[in-house]
Amino acid sequence: MADIFKIYTGDYSKEGYDGGIDDAKKAKPKNKLKFFKAVNPINCVWNFNNAYDSFVQNYDKGYLDGQRVVNEVYTNSTKGEKMSSSQNYEYHLQLLDELQRNLNNLKPKIDELRNKYNNQLNAMHSAGFFDDYIDPLKERYMVFKSKIEELQNLIDEHKRKISILEEATRDSQARARR
């Protein structure tokens, strides 16, 4: 009887939520195509939009809740209790170091991209392309160059903030050991 009601209403929220939790707990990527396994074939014609929306929305909620369970966001601990462990400090320092390395790797690639664009413009000019064609590209290059410089300034700012965070984390770690 429940299946008839589910088919009539197109409500697959429970199946979506359960599927999301299962995938998150198993560390699987999101797969909303599971909808077609969970849904009754009649709902592919009858009330499809509601069936799909209810499944997908609740799948996302279930996936998020499953990640919260896996990452122990719902534990009943006092605020800051886990921060006192040196293992957690080390984990945060590793994350900050990884972010710093990623930003350091990104900066030369951005420079290379800007230089390639400029070299291409110079090659076009030396190859005899008309100025009518090159001038708009040079204007775009100037805008692109300014955006690249803004991005590099942002990277430098984030690197400074990371350094401050690393220092604060090390200070907190040293205080926790005392």
N, C-alpha and C. Protein backbone atom coordinates (compact mmCIF):
# COMPACT_ATOMS: atom_id res chain seq x y z
N MET A 1 0.82 -1.20 0.00
CA MET A 1 0.00 0.00 0.00
C MET A 1 0.86 1.26 0.00
N ALA A 2 1.98 1.18 0.71
CA ALA A 2 2.86 2.34 0.79
C ALA A 2 3.46 2.67 -0.57
N ASP A 3 3.73 1.64 -1.39
CA ASP A 3 4.29 1.87 -2.71
C ASP A 3 3.32 2.62 -3.61
N ILE A 4 2.04 2.33 -3.48
CA ILE A 4 1.03 3.02 -4.29
C ILE A 4 0.98 4.50 -3.90
N PHE A 5 1.04 4.77 -2.61
CA PHE A 5 1.05 6.15 -2.14
C PHE A 5 2.32 6.86 -2.63
N LYS A 6 3.45 6.17 -2.58
CA LYS A 6 4.72 6.75 -3.03
C LYS A 6 4.66 7.03 -4.53
N ILE A 7 4.10 6.12 -5.28
CA ILE A 7 3.98 6.32 -6.73
C ILE A 7 3.05 7.49 -7.02
N TYR A 8 1.95 7.56 -6.29
CA TYR A 8 0.97 8.62 -6.52
C TYR A 8 1.56 9.99 -6.19
N THR A 9 2.25 10.10 -5.05
CA THR A 9 2.78 11.40 -4.62
C THR A 9 4.14 11.71 -5.24
N GLY A 10 4.87 10.67 -5.62
CA GLY A 10 6.22 10.89 -6.16
C GLY A 10 7.19 11.31 -5.08
N ASP A 11 6.94 10.86 -3.85
CA ASP A 11 7.79 11.25 -2.72
C ASP A 11 8.85 10.18 -2.47
N TYR A 12 10.08 10.47 -2.90
CA TYR A 12 11.21 9.57 -2.71
C TYR A 12 12.26 10.20 -1.80
N SER A 13 11.77 11.01 -0.86
CA SER A 13 12.70 11.70 0.03
C SER A 13 13.46 10.74 0.94
N LYS A 14 12.80 9.71 1.45
CA LYS A 14 13.46 8.75 2.34
C LYS A 14 14.56 8.00 1.59
N GLU A 15 14.26 7.55 0.38
CA GLU A 15 15.25 6.82 -0.41
C GLU A 15 16.45 7.72 -0.73
N GLY A 16 16.17 8.99 -1.06
CA GLY A 16 17.25 9.93 -1.36
C GLY A 16 18.13 10.19 -0.16
N TYR A 17 17.49 10.42 0.99
CA TYR A 17 18.24 10.70 2.21
C TYR A 17 19.10 9.49 2.60
N ASP A 18 18.49 8.30 2.58
CA ASP A 18 19.24 7.09 2.94
C ASP A 18 20.39 6.84 1.97
N GLY A 19 20.15 7.05 0.70
CA GLY A 19 21.22 6.87 -0.29
C GLY A 19 22.35 7.86 -0.10
N GLY A 20 22.01 9.09 0.25
CA GLY A 20 23.03 10.11 0.50
C GLY A 20 23.88 9.77 1.71
N ILE A 21 23.24 9.33 2.78
CA ILE A 21 23.98 8.95 3.99
C ILE A 21 24.90 7.76 3.70
N ASP A 22 24.39 6.76 3.00
CA ASP A 22 25.21 5.58 2.68
C ASP A 22 26.44 5.96 1.85
N ASP A 23 26.23 6.80 0.83
CA ASP A 23 27.36 7.18 -0.01
C ASP A 23 28.39 7.99 0.76
N ALA A 24 27.93 8.89 1.62
CA ALA A 24 28.87 9.71 2.39
C ALA A 24 29.65 8.85 3.37
N LYS A 25 28.99 7.91 4.04
CA LYS A 25 29.68 7.04 5.00
C LYS A 25 30.70 6.14 4.32
N LYS A 26 30.43 5.76 3.08
CA LYS A 26 31.35 4.91 2.33
C LYS A 26 32.37 5.73 1.56
N ALA A 27 32.33 7.06 1.73
CA ALA A 27 33.26 8.00 1.07
C ALA A 27 33.18 7.89 -0.45
N LYS A 28 31.99 7.66 -0.96
CA LYS A 28 31.77 7.62 -2.41
C LYS A 28 31.42 9.01 -2.89
N PRO A 29 31.74 9.33 -4.13
CA PRO A 29 31.31 10.63 -4.66
C PRO A 29 29.79 10.65 -4.85
N LYS A 30 29.25 11.85 -4.93
CA LYS A 30 27.80 11.97 -5.12
C LYS A 30 27.41 11.32 -6.44
N ASN A 31 26.31 10.58 -6.39
CA ASN A 31 25.80 9.92 -7.59
C ASN A 31 24.29 10.02 -7.57
N LYS A 32 23.78 11.08 -8.17
CA LYS A 32 22.33 11.30 -8.16
C LYS A 32 21.61 10.42 -9.16
N LEU A 33 22.36 9.69 -9.96
CA LEU A 33 21.73 8.76 -10.91
C LEU A 33 21.13 7.57 -10.19
N LYS A 34 21.41 7.44 -8.90
CA LYS A 34 20.77 6.38 -8.12
C LYS A 34 19.26 6.56 -8.09
N PHE A 35 18.83 7.75 -8.46
CA PHE A 35 17.40 8.02 -8.53
C PHE A 35 16.69 6.98 -9.39
N PHE A 36 17.31 6.64 -10.51
CA PHE A 36 16.66 5.72 -11.44
C PHE A 36 16.58 4.30 -10.90
N LYS A 37 17.43 3.97 -9.92
CA LYS A 37 17.33 2.66 -9.28
C LYS A 37 16.26 2.67 -8.19
N ALA A 38 16.09 3.82 -7.54
CA ALA A 38 15.17 3.90 -6.41
C ALA A 38 13.73 4.13 -6.84
N VAL A 39 13.53 4.78 -7.95
CA VAL A 39 12.20 5.19 -8.35
C VAL A 39 11.44 4.04 -9.03
N ASN A 40 10.15 4.04 -8.82
CA ASN A 40 9.29 3.10 -9.51
C ASN A 40 9.19 3.55 -10.97
N PRO A 41 9.24 2.64 -11.92
CA PRO A 41 9.20 3.03 -13.34
C PRO A 41 7.98 3.87 -13.72
N ILE A 42 6.90 3.70 -13.00
CA ILE A 42 5.70 4.50 -13.29
C ILE A 42 5.98 5.98 -13.07
N ASN A 43 6.84 6.29 -12.07
CA ASN A 43 7.15 7.68 -11.79
C ASN A 43 8.06 8.32 -12.82
N CYS A 44 8.53 7.56 -13.77
CA CYS A 44 9.27 8.16 -14.88
C CYS A 44 8.31 8.88 -15.82
N VAL A 45 7.03 8.55 -15.71
CA VAL A 45 5.99 9.20 -16.51
C VAL A 45 5.08 10.03 -15.62
N TRP A 46 4.66 9.43 -14.53
CA TRP A 46 3.71 10.07 -13.61
C TRP A 46 4.48 10.80 -12.51
N ASN A 47 4.27 12.09 -12.39
CA ASN A 47 4.82 12.88 -11.30
C ASN A 47 6.36 12.82 -11.23
N PHE A 48 7.00 12.82 -12.39
CA PHE A 48 8.45 12.68 -12.46
C PHE A 48 9.18 13.82 -11.76
N ASN A 49 8.76 15.06 -12.02
CA ASN A 49 9.48 16.21 -11.45
C ASN A 49 9.50 16.16 -9.93
N ASN A 50 8.36 15.85 -9.34
CA ASN A 50 8.30 15.79 -7.88
C ASN A 50 9.15 14.63 -7.35
N ALA A 51 9.09 13.50 -8.03
CA ALA A 51 9.88 12.33 -7.60
C ALA A 51 11.37 12.65 -7.67
N TYR A 52 11.78 13.25 -8.77
CA TYR A 52 13.20 13.56 -8.94
C TYR A 52 13.65 14.62 -7.93
N ASP A 53 12.88 15.70 -7.80
CA ASP A 53 13.24 16.77 -6.87
C ASP A 53 13.31 16.27 -5.44
N SER A 54 12.33 15.49 -5.02
CA SER A 54 12.33 15.01 -3.63
C SER A 54 13.53 14.08 -3.39
N PHE A 55 13.87 13.25 -4.36
CA PHE A 55 15.01 12.35 -4.20
C PHE A 55 16.31 13.15 -4.13
N VAL A 56 16.53 14.05 -5.09
CA VAL A 56 17.80 14.77 -5.20
C VAL A 56 18.01 15.69 -4.01
N GLN A 57 16.99 16.44 -3.62
CA GLN A 57 17.14 17.35 -2.49
C GLN A 57 17.47 16.59 -1.21
N ASN A 58 16.81 15.49 -0.98
CA ASN A 58 17.06 14.72 0.23
C ASN A 58 18.35 13.91 0.12
N TYR A 59 18.75 13.55 -1.09
CA TYR A 59 20.04 12.89 -1.28
C TYR A 59 21.16 13.84 -0.84
N ASP A 60 21.05 15.11 -1.28
CA ASP A 60 22.05 16.11 -0.88
C ASP A 60 22.08 16.30 0.63
N LYS A 61 20.90 16.37 1.25
CA LYS A 61 20.85 16.52 2.71
C LYS A 61 21.44 15.30 3.40
N GLY A 62 21.10 14.12 2.91
CA GLY A 62 21.63 12.89 3.50
C GLY A 62 23.13 12.79 3.32
N TYR A 63 23.62 13.20 2.16
CA TYR A 63 25.06 13.15 1.91
C TYR A 63 25.79 14.09 2.88
N LEU A 64 25.25 15.29 3.06
CA LEU A 64 25.85 16.24 3.99
C LEU A 64 25.81 15.71 5.42
N ASP A 65 24.68 15.15 5.83
CA ASP A 65 24.58 14.58 7.18
C ASP A 65 25.52 13.40 7.35
N GLY A 66 25.68 12.60 6.31
CA GLY A 66 26.61 11.49 6.37
C GLY A 66 28.04 11.96 6.52
N GLN A 67 28.39 13.05 5.85
CA GLN A 67 29.73 13.62 6.02
C GLN A 67 29.91 14.18 7.42
N ARG A 68 28.86 14.73 7.97
CA ARG A 68 28.95 15.23 9.35
C ARG A 68 29.20 14.09 10.33
N VAL A 69 28.55 12.96 10.09
CA VAL A 69 28.75 11.80 10.96
C VAL A 69 30.17 11.27 10.81
N VAL A 70 30.62 11.13 9.58
CA VAL A 70 31.96 10.61 9.33
C VAL A 70 33.03 11.51 9.94
N ASN A 71 32.84 12.81 9.84
CA ASN A 71 33.83 13.76 10.34
C ASN A 71 33.57 14.18 11.79
N GLU A 72 32.64 13.50 12.43
CA GLU A 72 32.32 13.70 13.85
C GLU A 72 31.96 15.15 14.19
N VAL A 73 31.13 15.74 13.35
CA VAL A 73 30.67 17.10 13.63
C VAL A 73 29.58 17.09 14.69
N TYR A 74 28.84 15.96 14.80
CA TYR A 74 27.74 15.89 15.74
C TYR A 74 28.13 15.35 17.11
N THR A 75 29.42 15.22 17.41
CA THR A 75 29.81 14.67 18.70
C THR A 75 29.46 15.66 19.80
N ASN A 76 29.17 15.13 20.98
CA ASN A 76 28.82 15.97 22.12
C ASN A 76 30.07 16.30 22.92
N SER A 77 30.86 17.20 22.42
CA SER A 77 32.07 17.61 23.14
C SER A 77 31.97 19.09 23.43
N THR A 78 32.69 19.50 24.44
CA THR A 78 32.68 20.93 24.78
C THR A 78 33.49 21.67 23.74
N LYS A 79 33.20 22.93 23.60
CA LYS A 79 33.84 23.73 22.58
C LYS A 79 35.34 23.81 22.83
N GLY A 80 36.11 23.52 21.81
CA GLY A 80 37.55 23.60 21.91
C GLY A 80 38.20 22.38 22.54
N GLU A 81 37.43 21.39 22.93
CA GLU A 81 37.99 20.21 23.60
C GLU A 81 38.98 19.49 22.70
N LYS A 82 38.64 19.34 21.44
CA LYS A 82 39.51 18.60 20.54
C LYS A 82 40.73 19.41 20.13
N MET A 83 40.68 20.71 20.26
CA MET A 83 41.82 21.53 19.88
C MET A 83 43.00 21.35 20.82
N SER A 84 42.79 20.77 21.98
CA SER A 84 43.90 20.62 22.91
C SER A 84 44.81 19.47 22.53
N SER A 85 44.37 18.60 21.65
CA SER A 85 45.22 17.48 21.27
C SER A 85 46.29 17.94 20.29
N SER A 86 47.51 17.48 20.51
CA SER A 86 48.61 17.88 19.64
C SER A 86 48.42 17.33 18.24
N GLN A 87 47.73 16.19 18.13
CA GLN A 87 47.47 15.60 16.82
C GLN A 87 46.63 16.54 15.96
N ASN A 88 45.67 17.18 16.57
CA ASN A 88 44.81 18.10 15.84
C ASN A 88 45.60 19.34 15.40
N TYR A 89 46.50 19.82 16.25
CA TYR A 89 47.35 20.96 15.87
C TYR A 89 48.22 20.58 14.67
N GLU A 90 48.79 19.39 14.74
CA GLU A 90 49.65 18.94 13.64
C GLU A 90 48.85 18.83 12.35
N TYR A 91 47.62 18.36 12.45
CA TYR A 91 46.77 18.25 11.27
C TYR A 91 46.51 19.63 10.67
N HIS A 92 46.21 20.61 11.51
CA HIS A 92 45.97 21.97 11.01
C HIS A 92 47.24 22.54 10.38
N LEU A 93 48.38 22.27 10.98
CA LEU A 93 49.63 22.76 10.41
C LEU A 93 49.91 22.10 9.06
N GLN A 94 49.59 20.82 8.94
CA GLN A 94 49.76 20.14 7.66
C GLN A 94 48.87 20.74 6.59
N LEU A 95 47.62 21.05 6.97
CA LEU A 95 46.71 21.67 6.01
C LEU A 95 47.22 23.04 5.56
N LEU A 96 47.72 23.81 6.51
CA LEU A 96 48.25 25.13 6.17
C LEU A 96 49.48 25.01 5.28
N ASP A 97 50.35 24.04 5.57
CA ASP A 97 51.53 23.84 4.73
C ASP A 97 51.14 23.43 3.32
N GLU A 98 50.15 22.56 3.22
CA GLU A 98 49.69 22.13 1.90
C GLU A 98 49.10 23.30 1.12
N LEU A 99 48.33 24.13 1.79
CA LEU A 99 47.77 25.31 1.14
C LEU A 99 48.87 26.25 0.68
N GLN A 100 49.88 26.43 1.51
CA GLN A 100 51.01 27.28 1.16
C GLN A 100 51.73 26.73 -0.08
N ARG A 101 51.94 25.41 -0.13
CA ARG A 101 52.60 24.80 -1.30
C ARG A 101 51.75 24.98 -2.55
N ASN A 102 50.44 24.81 -2.41
CA ASN A 102 49.56 24.98 -3.58
C ASN A 102 49.61 26.40 -4.10
N LEU A 103 49.62 27.37 -3.20
CA LEU A 103 49.70 28.77 -3.63
C LEU A 103 51.05 29.05 -4.28
N ASN A 104 52.11 28.48 -3.73
CA ASN A 104 53.44 28.66 -4.33
C ASN A 104 53.52 28.04 -5.71
N ASN A 105 52.84 26.92 -5.92
CA ASN A 105 52.82 26.29 -7.25
C ASN A 105 51.94 27.04 -8.23
N LEU A 106 50.92 27.71 -7.73
CA LEU A 106 49.99 28.42 -8.60
C LEU A 106 50.60 29.68 -9.19
N LYS A 107 51.40 30.38 -8.41
CA LYS A 107 51.93 31.67 -8.85
C LYS A 107 52.78 31.56 -10.12
N PRO A 108 53.73 30.62 -10.22
CA PRO A 108 54.50 30.54 -11.48
C PRO A 108 53.63 30.15 -12.68
N LYS A 109 52.62 29.34 -12.45
CA LYS A 109 51.75 28.95 -13.56
C LYS A 109 50.97 30.15 -14.08
N ILE A 110 50.57 31.02 -13.18
CA ILE A 110 49.86 32.23 -13.60
C ILE A 110 50.79 33.14 -14.38
N ASP A 111 52.05 33.27 -13.91
CA ASP A 111 53.03 34.07 -14.64
C ASP A 111 53.26 33.50 -16.04
N GLU A 112 53.37 32.19 -16.11
CA GLU A 112 53.58 31.52 -17.40
C GLU A 112 52.42 31.78 -18.34
N LEU A 113 51.21 31.75 -17.82
CA LEU A 113 50.03 31.99 -18.64
C LEU A 113 50.05 33.41 -19.20
N ARG A 114 50.39 34.37 -18.35
CA ARG A 114 50.45 35.77 -18.80
C ARG A 114 51.53 35.93 -19.86
N ASN A 115 52.69 35.31 -19.65
CA ASN A 115 53.79 35.42 -20.62
C ASN A 115 53.44 34.76 -21.95
N LYS A 116 52.75 33.63 -21.91
CA LYS A 116 52.34 32.97 -23.15
C LYS A 116 51.41 33.86 -23.96
N TYR A 117 50.48 34.52 -23.26
CA TYR A 117 49.54 35.41 -23.94
C TYR A 117 50.32 36.54 -24.62
N ASN A 118 51.25 37.13 -23.89
CA ASN A 118 52.03 38.24 -24.44
C ASN A 118 52.90 37.75 -25.60
N ASN A 119 53.52 36.59 -25.47
CA ASN A 119 54.35 36.05 -26.56
C ASN A 119 53.52 35.78 -27.80
N GLN A 120 52.30 35.32 -27.61
CA GLN A 120 51.42 35.06 -28.75
C GLN A 120 51.08 36.37 -29.47
N LEU A 121 50.83 37.42 -28.69
CA LEU A 121 50.55 38.73 -29.31
C LEU A 121 51.77 39.23 -30.08
N ASN A 122 52.96 39.07 -29.50
CA ASN A 122 54.18 39.51 -30.18
C ASN A 122 54.41 38.70 -31.46
N ALA A 123 54.13 37.41 -31.41
CA ALA A 123 54.28 36.57 -32.59
C ALA A 123 53.31 36.99 -33.69
N MET A 124 52.11 37.34 -33.30
CA MET A 124 51.12 37.79 -34.28
C MET A 124 51.57 39.10 -34.93
N HIS A 125 52.12 40.00 -34.11
CA HIS A 125 52.57 41.29 -34.63
C HIS A 125 53.74 41.09 -35.59
N SER A 126 54.69 40.22 -35.22
CA SER A 126 55.85 40.00 -36.09
C SER A 126 55.47 39.20 -37.34
N ALA A 127 54.39 38.46 -37.28
CA ALA A 127 53.94 37.70 -38.45
C ALA A 127 53.18 38.56 -39.44
N GLY A 128 52.91 39.80 -39.06
CA GLY A 128 52.28 40.72 -39.99
C GLY A 128 50.77 40.79 -39.90
N PHE A 129 50.21 40.38 -38.77
CA PHE A 129 48.76 40.51 -38.61
C PHE A 129 48.40 41.99 -38.59
N PHE A 130 47.22 42.30 -39.05
CA PHE A 130 46.77 43.69 -39.08
C PHE A 130 46.56 44.23 -37.67
N ASP A 131 46.83 45.53 -37.53
CA ASP A 131 46.65 46.16 -36.23
C ASP A 131 45.19 46.14 -35.79
N ASP A 132 44.27 46.13 -36.78
CA ASP A 132 42.85 46.06 -36.44
C ASP A 132 42.53 44.77 -35.67
N TYR A 133 43.28 43.74 -35.95
CA TYR A 133 43.07 42.46 -35.29
C TYR A 133 43.84 42.39 -33.97
N ILE A 134 45.03 42.94 -33.95
CA ILE A 134 45.90 42.84 -32.78
C ILE A 134 45.51 43.82 -31.67
N ASP A 135 45.09 45.04 -32.03
CA ASP A 135 44.80 46.06 -31.02
C ASP A 135 43.72 45.64 -30.01
N PRO A 136 42.59 45.07 -30.45
CA PRO A 136 41.61 44.61 -29.45
C PRO A 136 42.17 43.51 -28.54
N LEU A 137 43.02 42.66 -29.12
CA LEU A 137 43.64 41.61 -28.30
C LEU A 137 44.62 42.20 -27.29
N LYS A 138 45.31 43.27 -27.67
CA LYS A 138 46.22 43.94 -26.73
C LYS A 138 45.43 44.58 -25.58
N GLU A 139 44.26 45.15 -25.94
CA GLU A 139 43.42 45.73 -24.88
C GLU A 139 42.95 44.64 -23.92
N ARG A 140 42.56 43.50 -24.47
CA ARG A 140 42.15 42.38 -23.63
C ARG A 140 43.32 41.88 -22.78
N TYR A 141 44.51 41.91 -23.38
CA TYR A 141 45.70 41.48 -22.64
C TYR A 141 45.95 42.40 -21.45
N MET A 142 45.76 43.68 -21.63
CA MET A 142 45.98 44.62 -20.53
C MET A 142 44.99 44.35 -19.39
N VAL A 143 43.74 44.07 -19.72
CA VAL A 143 42.74 43.72 -18.71
C VAL A 143 43.14 42.41 -18.04
N PHE A 144 43.54 41.45 -18.86
CA PHE A 144 43.97 40.14 -18.36
C PHE A 144 45.18 40.30 -17.44
N LYS A 145 46.12 41.12 -17.85
CA LYS A 145 47.34 41.35 -17.06
C LYS A 145 46.99 41.97 -15.71
N SER A 146 46.06 42.91 -15.70
CA SER A 146 45.67 43.53 -14.42
C SER A 146 44.96 42.52 -13.52
N LYS A 147 44.15 41.66 -14.10
CA LYS A 147 43.47 40.61 -13.31
C LYS A 147 44.50 39.63 -12.73
N ILE A 148 45.51 39.30 -13.53
CA ILE A 148 46.57 38.40 -13.07
C ILE A 148 47.32 39.05 -11.91
N GLU A 149 47.61 40.33 -12.02
CA GLU A 149 48.31 41.03 -10.94
C GLU A 149 47.46 41.07 -9.67
N GLU A 150 46.16 41.30 -9.85
CA GLU A 150 45.26 41.27 -8.69
C GLU A 150 45.26 39.88 -8.05
N LEU A 151 45.24 38.85 -8.88
CA LEU A 151 45.24 37.48 -8.39
C LEU A 151 46.55 37.18 -7.65
N GLN A 152 47.67 37.66 -8.18
CA GLN A 152 48.95 37.43 -7.51
C GLN A 152 49.01 38.19 -6.18
N ASN A 153 48.45 39.38 -6.15
CA ASN A 153 48.39 40.12 -4.89
C ASN A 153 47.52 39.39 -3.87
N LEU A 154 46.44 38.82 -4.34
CA LEU A 154 45.56 38.04 -3.47
C LEU A 154 46.29 36.80 -2.94
N ILE A 155 47.05 36.15 -3.80
CA ILE A 155 47.83 34.98 -3.37
C ILE A 155 48.83 35.40 -2.30
N ASP A 156 49.52 36.53 -2.53
CA ASP A 156 50.49 37.01 -1.53
C ASP A 156 49.80 37.33 -0.21
N GLU A 157 48.63 37.93 -0.29
CA GLU A 157 47.87 38.25 0.93
C GLU A 157 47.48 36.97 1.67
N HIS A 158 47.03 35.97 0.93
CA HIS A 158 46.66 34.70 1.57
C HIS A 158 47.89 34.01 2.17
N LYS A 159 49.02 34.13 1.51
CA LYS A 159 50.24 33.53 2.06
C LYS A 159 50.61 34.21 3.38
N ARG A 160 50.44 35.52 3.44
CA ARG A 160 50.71 36.23 4.71
C ARG A 160 49.74 35.76 5.80
N LYS A 161 48.47 35.61 5.44
CA LYS A 161 47.48 35.15 6.41
C LYS A 161 47.78 33.73 6.87
N ILE A 162 48.24 32.90 5.95
CA ILE A 162 48.60 31.53 6.31
C ILE A 162 49.75 31.54 7.31
N SER A 163 50.73 32.40 7.06
CA SER A 163 51.86 32.50 7.99
C SER A 163 51.40 32.91 9.37
N ILE A 164 50.48 33.84 9.43
CA ILE A 164 49.94 34.29 10.72
C ILE A 164 49.19 33.15 11.40
N LEU A 165 48.38 32.40 10.62
CA LEU A 165 47.66 31.25 11.17
C LEU A 165 48.60 30.17 11.67
N GLU A 166 49.66 29.91 10.91
CA GLU A 166 50.63 28.90 11.34
C GLU A 166 51.28 29.32 12.66
N GLU A 167 51.64 30.58 12.74
CA GLU A 167 52.27 31.08 13.97
C GLU A 167 51.31 30.98 15.15
N ALA A 168 50.05 31.36 14.94
CA ALA A 168 49.06 31.29 16.01
C ALA A 168 48.81 29.84 16.43
N THR A 169 48.78 28.93 15.45
CA THR A 169 48.56 27.51 15.76
C THR A 169 49.74 26.95 16.54
N ARG A 170 50.94 27.32 16.16
CA ARG A 170 52.12 26.85 16.90
C ARG A 170 52.12 27.42 18.33
N ASP A 171 51.74 28.68 18.47
CA ASP A 171 51.66 29.28 19.82
C ASP A 171 50.62 28.55 20.66
N SER A 172 49.46 28.28 20.06
CA SER A 172 48.41 27.56 20.79
C SER A 172 48.87 26.16 21.17
N GLN A 173 49.59 25.52 20.28
CA GLN A 173 50.09 24.18 20.53
C GLN A 173 51.10 24.22 21.69
N ALA A 174 51.96 25.23 21.70
CA ALA A 174 52.95 25.34 22.76
C ALA A 174 52.26 25.60 24.12
N ARG A 175 51.21 26.43 24.11
CA ARG A 175 50.46 26.69 25.36
C ARG A 175 49.74 25.44 25.85
N ALA A 176 49.24 24.64 24.91
CA ALA A 176 48.52 23.43 25.30
C ALA A 176 49.44 22.39 25.92
N ARG A 177 50.71 22.42 25.52
CA ARG A 177 51.68 21.45 26.08
C ARG A 177 52.09 21.82 27.50
N ARG A 178 51.95 23.07 27.86
CA ARG A 178 52.38 23.51 29.20
C ARG A 178 51.49 23.01 30.26
